[in-house]
């Protein structure tokens, strides 16, 4: 199925979850410093593994950057 992640279409398997998308995008898949919204609604990190994505879902993944 096709979803939109940060403005770009991505093909993911049917039944894909927020956790799976984050793991595919980021090396640090434990979720620290990462926020995710689906359809404009923030998904709490504890819900990522159970939040399934639908065809055409619009997902925004934002990662904090630390400078020092």
N, C-alpha and C. Protein backbone atom coordinates (compact mmCIF):
# COMPACT_ATOMS: atom_id res chain seq x y z
N UNK A 1 0.85 -1.18 0.00
CA UNK A 1 0.00 0.00 0.00
C UNK A 1 0.89 1.24 0.00
N UNK A 2 0.33 2.35 -0.40
CA UNK A 2 1.07 3.61 -0.48
C UNK A 2 0.62 4.54 0.64
N UNK A 3 1.60 5.09 1.37
CA UNK A 3 1.35 6.14 2.35
C UNK A 3 2.25 7.33 2.00
N UNK A 4 2.02 8.44 2.64
CA UNK A 4 2.84 9.64 2.43
C UNK A 4 3.59 9.92 3.73
N UNK A 5 4.92 9.88 3.66
CA UNK A 5 5.76 10.12 4.84
C UNK A 5 6.58 11.38 4.58
N UNK A 6 6.37 12.38 5.42
CA UNK A 6 7.08 13.66 5.29
C UNK A 6 7.00 14.19 3.86
N UNK A 7 5.82 14.05 3.25
CA UNK A 7 5.58 14.62 1.93
C UNK A 7 5.96 13.74 0.76
N UNK A 8 6.53 12.57 1.00
CA UNK A 8 6.95 11.67 -0.08
C UNK A 8 6.19 10.35 0.02
N UNK A 9 5.74 9.87 -1.13
CA UNK A 9 5.05 8.59 -1.14
C UNK A 9 6.03 7.46 -0.84
N UNK A 10 5.55 6.49 -0.06
CA UNK A 10 6.34 5.30 0.27
C UNK A 10 5.43 4.09 0.18
N UNK A 11 5.99 3.02 -0.31
CA UNK A 11 5.23 1.77 -0.33
C UNK A 11 5.58 1.00 0.94
N UNK A 12 4.55 0.57 1.64
CA UNK A 12 4.72 -0.23 2.86
C UNK A 12 3.79 -1.43 2.78
N UNK A 13 4.09 -2.48 3.52
CA UNK A 13 3.20 -3.64 3.50
C UNK A 13 1.85 -3.32 4.14
N UNK A 14 0.82 -4.01 3.71
CA UNK A 14 -0.49 -3.87 4.34
C UNK A 14 -0.33 -4.20 5.82
N UNK A 15 -1.00 -3.44 6.66
CA UNK A 15 -0.91 -3.67 8.11
C UNK A 15 0.28 -3.00 8.76
N UNK A 16 1.02 -2.18 8.00
CA UNK A 16 2.19 -1.48 8.55
C UNK A 16 1.78 -0.62 9.74
N UNK A 17 2.69 -0.51 10.69
CA UNK A 17 2.44 0.29 11.89
C UNK A 17 3.36 1.51 11.90
N UNK A 18 3.03 2.45 12.77
CA UNK A 18 3.89 3.62 12.97
C UNK A 18 5.28 3.16 13.39
N UNK A 19 5.37 2.18 14.28
CA UNK A 19 6.67 1.68 14.74
C UNK A 19 7.49 1.15 13.58
N UNK A 20 6.87 0.44 12.66
CA UNK A 20 7.58 -0.09 11.51
C UNK A 20 8.10 0.99 10.60
N UNK A 21 7.31 2.03 10.40
CA UNK A 21 7.74 3.14 9.54
C UNK A 21 8.91 3.87 10.19
N UNK A 22 8.83 4.13 11.49
CA UNK A 22 9.92 4.80 12.19
C UNK A 22 11.20 3.96 12.11
N UNK A 23 11.08 2.66 12.31
CA UNK A 23 12.26 1.78 12.24
C UNK A 23 12.88 1.81 10.85
N UNK A 24 12.05 1.88 9.82
CA UNK A 24 12.57 1.90 8.45
C UNK A 24 13.25 3.23 8.12
N UNK A 25 12.81 4.30 8.76
CA UNK A 25 13.34 5.64 8.46
C UNK A 25 14.57 6.01 9.26
N UNK A 26 14.62 5.56 10.50
CA UNK A 26 15.64 6.06 11.43
C UNK A 26 16.48 4.93 12.00
N UNK A 27 17.76 5.22 12.17
CA UNK A 27 18.64 4.26 12.84
C UNK A 27 18.26 4.10 14.30
N UNK A 28 17.90 5.20 14.94
CA UNK A 28 17.52 5.20 16.36
C UNK A 28 16.02 4.91 16.47
N UNK A 29 15.65 3.66 16.25
CA UNK A 29 14.23 3.30 16.19
C UNK A 29 13.58 3.15 17.56
N UNK A 30 14.30 3.42 18.64
CA UNK A 30 13.67 3.30 19.96
C UNK A 30 12.72 4.46 20.24
N UNK A 31 12.73 5.46 19.38
CA UNK A 31 11.78 6.55 19.49
C UNK A 31 12.25 7.75 20.28
N UNK A 32 13.45 7.68 20.85
CA UNK A 32 13.92 8.84 21.61
C UNK A 32 14.16 10.01 20.67
N UNK A 33 13.63 11.16 21.04
CA UNK A 33 13.82 12.36 20.25
C UNK A 33 13.03 12.38 18.96
N UNK A 34 12.02 11.52 18.86
CA UNK A 34 11.21 11.42 17.64
C UNK A 34 9.75 11.67 17.99
N UNK A 35 9.08 12.43 17.14
CA UNK A 35 7.65 12.64 17.27
C UNK A 35 6.99 12.22 15.96
N UNK A 36 5.80 11.64 16.06
CA UNK A 36 5.09 11.18 14.88
C UNK A 36 3.65 11.67 14.94
N UNK A 37 3.17 12.14 13.79
CA UNK A 37 1.76 12.51 13.65
C UNK A 37 1.20 11.75 12.45
N UNK A 38 -0.01 11.28 12.58
CA UNK A 38 -0.71 10.64 11.48
C UNK A 38 -1.99 11.43 11.25
N UNK A 39 -2.13 11.95 10.04
CA UNK A 39 -3.30 12.77 9.74
C UNK A 39 -3.38 14.01 10.60
N UNK A 40 -2.23 14.54 11.01
CA UNK A 40 -2.18 15.75 11.80
C UNK A 40 -2.35 15.54 13.30
N UNK A 41 -2.55 14.30 13.73
CA UNK A 41 -2.72 13.99 15.15
C UNK A 41 -1.47 13.29 15.67
N UNK A 42 -0.90 13.81 16.75
CA UNK A 42 0.29 13.21 17.34
C UNK A 42 -0.06 11.83 17.89
N UNK A 43 0.82 10.86 17.61
CA UNK A 43 0.64 9.50 18.11
C UNK A 43 1.65 9.29 19.24
N UNK A 44 1.18 9.06 20.47
CA UNK A 44 2.10 8.83 21.58
C UNK A 44 3.01 7.63 21.29
N UNK A 45 4.26 7.73 21.69
CA UNK A 45 5.24 6.67 21.41
C UNK A 45 4.75 5.30 21.88
N UNK A 46 4.09 5.23 23.00
CA UNK A 46 3.58 3.96 23.51
C UNK A 46 2.52 3.32 22.62
N UNK A 47 1.96 4.10 21.70
CA UNK A 47 0.93 3.58 20.79
C UNK A 47 1.47 3.23 19.41
N UNK A 48 2.74 3.50 19.14
CA UNK A 48 3.28 3.28 17.80
C UNK A 48 3.12 1.85 17.32
N UNK A 49 3.41 0.89 18.17
CA UNK A 49 3.41 -0.50 17.75
C UNK A 49 2.01 -1.00 17.38
N UNK A 50 0.99 -0.41 17.98
CA UNK A 50 -0.38 -0.86 17.71
C UNK A 50 -1.12 0.05 16.74
N UNK A 51 -0.52 1.16 16.34
CA UNK A 51 -1.19 2.08 15.43
C UNK A 51 -0.91 1.67 13.99
N UNK A 52 -1.92 1.06 13.37
CA UNK A 52 -1.80 0.60 11.98
C UNK A 52 -2.14 1.75 11.04
N UNK A 53 -1.46 1.74 9.91
CA UNK A 53 -1.65 2.79 8.92
C UNK A 53 -2.55 2.31 7.80
N UNK A 54 -3.37 3.21 7.29
CA UNK A 54 -4.28 2.91 6.19
C UNK A 54 -3.69 3.43 4.88
N UNK A 55 -4.16 2.87 3.79
CA UNK A 55 -3.78 3.35 2.46
C UNK A 55 -3.95 4.86 2.41
N UNK A 56 -2.92 5.56 1.92
CA UNK A 56 -2.98 7.01 1.76
C UNK A 56 -2.73 7.81 3.02
N UNK A 57 -2.42 7.14 4.14
CA UNK A 57 -2.17 7.86 5.40
C UNK A 57 -1.07 8.89 5.21
N UNK A 58 -1.24 10.03 5.84
CA UNK A 58 -0.23 11.09 5.82
C UNK A 58 0.48 11.07 7.17
N UNK A 59 1.77 10.71 7.12
CA UNK A 59 2.57 10.52 8.33
C UNK A 59 3.70 11.56 8.34
N UNK A 60 3.86 12.22 9.46
CA UNK A 60 4.97 13.15 9.64
C UNK A 60 5.85 12.60 10.76
N UNK A 61 7.13 12.43 10.45
CA UNK A 61 8.11 11.94 11.44
C UNK A 61 9.14 13.05 11.62
N UNK A 62 9.26 13.51 12.86
CA UNK A 62 10.18 14.61 13.17
C UNK A 62 11.18 14.10 14.19
N UNK A 63 12.46 14.35 13.92
CA UNK A 63 13.53 13.93 14.81
C UNK A 63 14.23 15.15 15.37
N UNK A 64 14.43 15.17 16.68
CA UNK A 64 15.15 16.27 17.33
C UNK A 64 16.62 16.18 16.98
N UNK A 65 17.23 17.34 16.79
CA UNK A 65 18.67 17.40 16.49
C UNK A 65 19.34 18.16 17.62
N UNK A 66 20.39 17.56 18.17
CA UNK A 66 21.14 18.21 19.24
C UNK A 66 22.44 18.75 18.69
N UNK A 67 22.67 20.02 18.92
CA UNK A 67 23.93 20.63 18.51
C UNK A 67 24.72 20.98 19.75
N UNK A 68 26.02 20.93 19.62
CA UNK A 68 26.77 21.23 20.83
C UNK A 68 28.10 21.78 20.58
